[in-house]
Amino acid sequence: MTYDAEEAPKEISEVTRRTIVDHFSIVKVSWAGRLQDDEFLARIYDLSKLPSFDRRYQDAAGDIYQHCVRNSDWDSDWVFYDRRFI
């Protein structure tokens, strides 16, 4: 039996997604590894093109840096609930 990656589903189910998020939260897995949240996400997304939810900042880069690096006032699993990354 061969596996064709082209035929594989492109999305994970909501149940699987919740299970992964729950696991990361419970065992305190650092989803960004050794990088800071903004550094990790900048490797995947152009944060300067995503909106800020904090009116003091022009884009997601400033927003995330403020709340995750400067203040650390967001929960460690914030990215799993942020509509910019869902």
C-alpha atoms as a PDB file:
ATOM      1  CA  MET A   1       0.000   0.000   0.000  1.00  0.00           C
ATOM      2  CA  THR A   2       1.423   3.358  -1.003  1.00  0.00           C
ATOM      3  CA  TYR A   3       0.602   6.694   0.495  1.00  0.00           C
ATOM      4  CA  ASP A   4      -0.004   9.612  -1.826  1.00  0.00           C
ATOM      5  CA  ALA A   5       0.586  12.951  -0.076  1.00  0.00           C
ATOM      6  CA  GLU A   6      -1.583  14.679  -2.681  1.00  0.00           C
ATOM      7  CA  GLU A   7      -4.593  12.698  -1.466  1.00  0.00           C
ATOM      8  CA  ALA A   8      -3.971  13.454   2.214  1.00  0.00           C
ATOM      9  CA  PRO A   9      -6.418  15.786   3.939  1.00  0.00           C
ATOM     10  CA  LYS A  10      -5.157  19.365   4.052  1.00  0.00           C
ATOM     11  CA  GLU A  11      -6.729  20.260   7.392  1.00  0.00           C
ATOM     12  CA  ILE A  12      -6.886  18.661  10.794  1.00  0.00           C
ATOM     13  CA  SER A  13     -10.258  18.131  12.430  1.00  0.00           C
ATOM     14  CA  GLU A  14     -11.507  20.440  15.165  1.00  0.00           C
ATOM     15  CA  VAL A  15     -11.387  17.542  17.644  1.00  0.00           C
ATOM     16  CA  THR A  16      -7.737  16.836  16.828  1.00  0.00           C
ATOM     17  CA  ARG A  17      -6.870  20.521  16.993  1.00  0.00           C
ATOM     18  CA  ARG A  18      -8.447  20.856  20.452  1.00  0.00           C
ATOM     19  CA  THR A  19      -6.619  17.768  21.668  1.00  0.00           C
ATOM     20  CA  ILE A  20      -3.272  19.190  20.518  1.00  0.00           C
ATOM     21  CA  VAL A  21      -3.972  22.593  22.101  1.00  0.00           C
ATOM     22  CA  ASP A  22      -5.072  20.944  25.358  1.00  0.00           C
ATOM     23  CA  HIS A  23      -1.928  18.831  25.446  1.00  0.00           C
ATOM     24  CA  PHE A  24       0.355  21.824  24.821  1.00  0.00           C
ATOM     25  CA  SER A  25      -1.420  23.762  27.594  1.00  0.00           C
ATOM     26  CA  ILE A  26      -1.409  20.958  30.149  1.00  0.00           C
ATOM     27  CA  VAL A  27       2.229  19.943  29.762  1.00  0.00           C
ATOM     28  CA  LYS A  28       3.398  23.545  29.213  1.00  0.00           C
ATOM     29  CA  VAL A  29       4.992  22.840  25.839  1.00  0.00           C
ATOM     30  CA  SER A  30       6.705  25.881  24.387  1.00  0.00           C
ATOM     31  CA  TRP A  31       5.133  25.953  20.941  1.00  0.00           C
ATOM     32  CA  ALA A  32       7.818  28.433  19.764  1.00  0.00           C
ATOM     33  CA  GLY A  33      10.678  26.256  20.957  1.00  0.00           C
ATOM     34  CA  ARG A  34      13.692  28.340  21.975  1.00  0.00           C
ATOM     35  CA  LEU A  35      12.486  31.356  20.042  1.00  0.00           C
ATOM     36  CA  GLN A  36      10.315  34.146  21.356  1.00  0.00           C
ATOM     37  CA  ASP A  37       6.726  34.062  20.125  1.00  0.00           C
ATOM     38  CA  ASP A  38       7.213  36.938  17.682  1.00  0.00           C
ATOM     39  CA  GLU A  39      10.456  35.474  16.302  1.00  0.00           C
ATOM     40  CA  PHE A  40       8.850  32.092  15.673  1.00  0.00           C
ATOM     41  CA  LEU A  41       5.722  33.502  14.044  1.00  0.00           C
ATOM     42  CA  ALA A  42       7.769  35.870  11.858  1.00  0.00           C
ATOM     43  CA  ARG A  43       9.325  32.793  10.240  1.00  0.00           C
ATOM     44  CA  ILE A  44       5.870  31.673   9.083  1.00  0.00           C
ATOM     45  CA  TYR A  45       3.873  34.892   8.670  1.00  0.00           C
ATOM     46  CA  ASP A  46       4.597  38.434   7.582  1.00  0.00           C
ATOM     47  CA  LEU A  47       3.566  39.983  10.898  1.00  0.00           C
ATOM     48  CA  SER A  48       3.818  43.481   9.448  1.00  0.00           C
ATOM     49  CA  LYS A  49       0.852  42.661   7.179  1.00  0.00           C
ATOM     50  CA  LEU A  50      -1.390  41.304   9.929  1.00  0.00           C
ATOM     51  CA  PRO A  51      -3.498  43.682  12.014  1.00  0.00           C
ATOM     52  CA  SER A  52      -2.833  44.659  15.592  1.00  0.00           C
ATOM     53  CA  PHE A  53      -5.546  44.156  18.210  1.00  0.00           C
ATOM     54  CA  ASP A  54      -3.912  46.858  20.329  1.00  0.00           C
ATOM     55  CA  ARG A  55      -4.587  50.325  18.891  1.00  0.00           C
ATOM     56  CA  ARG A  56      -1.154  51.508  20.011  1.00  0.00           C
ATOM     57  CA  TYR A  57       0.531  49.361  17.343  1.00  0.00           C
ATOM     58  CA  GLN A  58       0.277  49.373  13.575  1.00  0.00           C
ATOM     59  CA  ASP A  59       0.578  45.644  13.055  1.00  0.00           C
ATOM     60  CA  ALA A  60       0.747  42.218  14.667  1.00  0.00           C
ATOM     61  CA  ALA A  61       4.537  42.457  15.022  1.00  0.00           C
ATOM     62  CA  GLY A  62       4.283  45.370  17.449  1.00  0.00           C
ATOM     63  CA  ASP A  63       1.265  43.899  19.205  1.00  0.00           C
ATOM     64  CA  ILE A  64       2.883  40.512  19.812  1.00  0.00           C
ATOM     65  CA  TYR A  65       6.233  41.985  20.842  1.00  0.00           C
ATOM     66  CA  GLN A  66       4.539  44.222  23.406  1.00  0.00           C
ATOM     67  CA  HIS A  67       2.382  41.538  24.959  1.00  0.00           C
ATOM     68  CA  CYS A  68       4.691  38.528  24.708  1.00  0.00           C
ATOM     69  CA  VAL A  69       8.211  39.924  25.019  1.00  0.00           C
ATOM     70  CA  ARG A  70       7.972  43.207  26.903  1.00  0.00           C
ATOM     71  CA  ASN A  71       5.087  42.475  29.263  1.00  0.00           C
ATOM     72  CA  SER A  72       4.436  38.725  29.044  1.00  0.00           C
ATOM     73  CA  ASP A  73       0.818  39.505  29.841  1.00  0.00           C
ATOM     74  CA  TRP A  74      -0.738  37.039  27.399  1.00  0.00           C
ATOM     75  CA  ASP A  75      -1.248  33.388  28.329  1.00  0.00           C
ATOM     76  CA  SER A  76       1.386  31.029  26.925  1.00  0.00           C
ATOM     77  CA  ASP A  77      -1.192  29.396  24.634  1.00  0.00           C
ATOM     78  CA  TRP A  78      -2.573  32.677  23.245  1.00  0.00           C
ATOM     79  CA  VAL A  79      -1.614  31.826  19.658  1.00  0.00           C
ATOM     80  CA  PHE A  80      -4.071  28.912  19.564  1.00  0.00           C
ATOM     81  CA  TYR A  81      -6.973  31.307  20.155  1.00  0.00           C
ATOM     82  CA  ASP A  82      -5.822  34.321  18.154  1.00  0.00           C
ATOM     83  CA  ARG A  83      -7.999  34.631  15.042  1.00  0.00           C
ATOM     84  CA  ARG A  84      -5.029  35.889  12.994  1.00  0.00           C
ATOM     85  CA  PHE A  85      -3.452  32.424  13.191  1.00  0.00           C
ATOM     86  CA  ILE A  86      -6.436  30.061  13.264  1.00  0.00           C
END
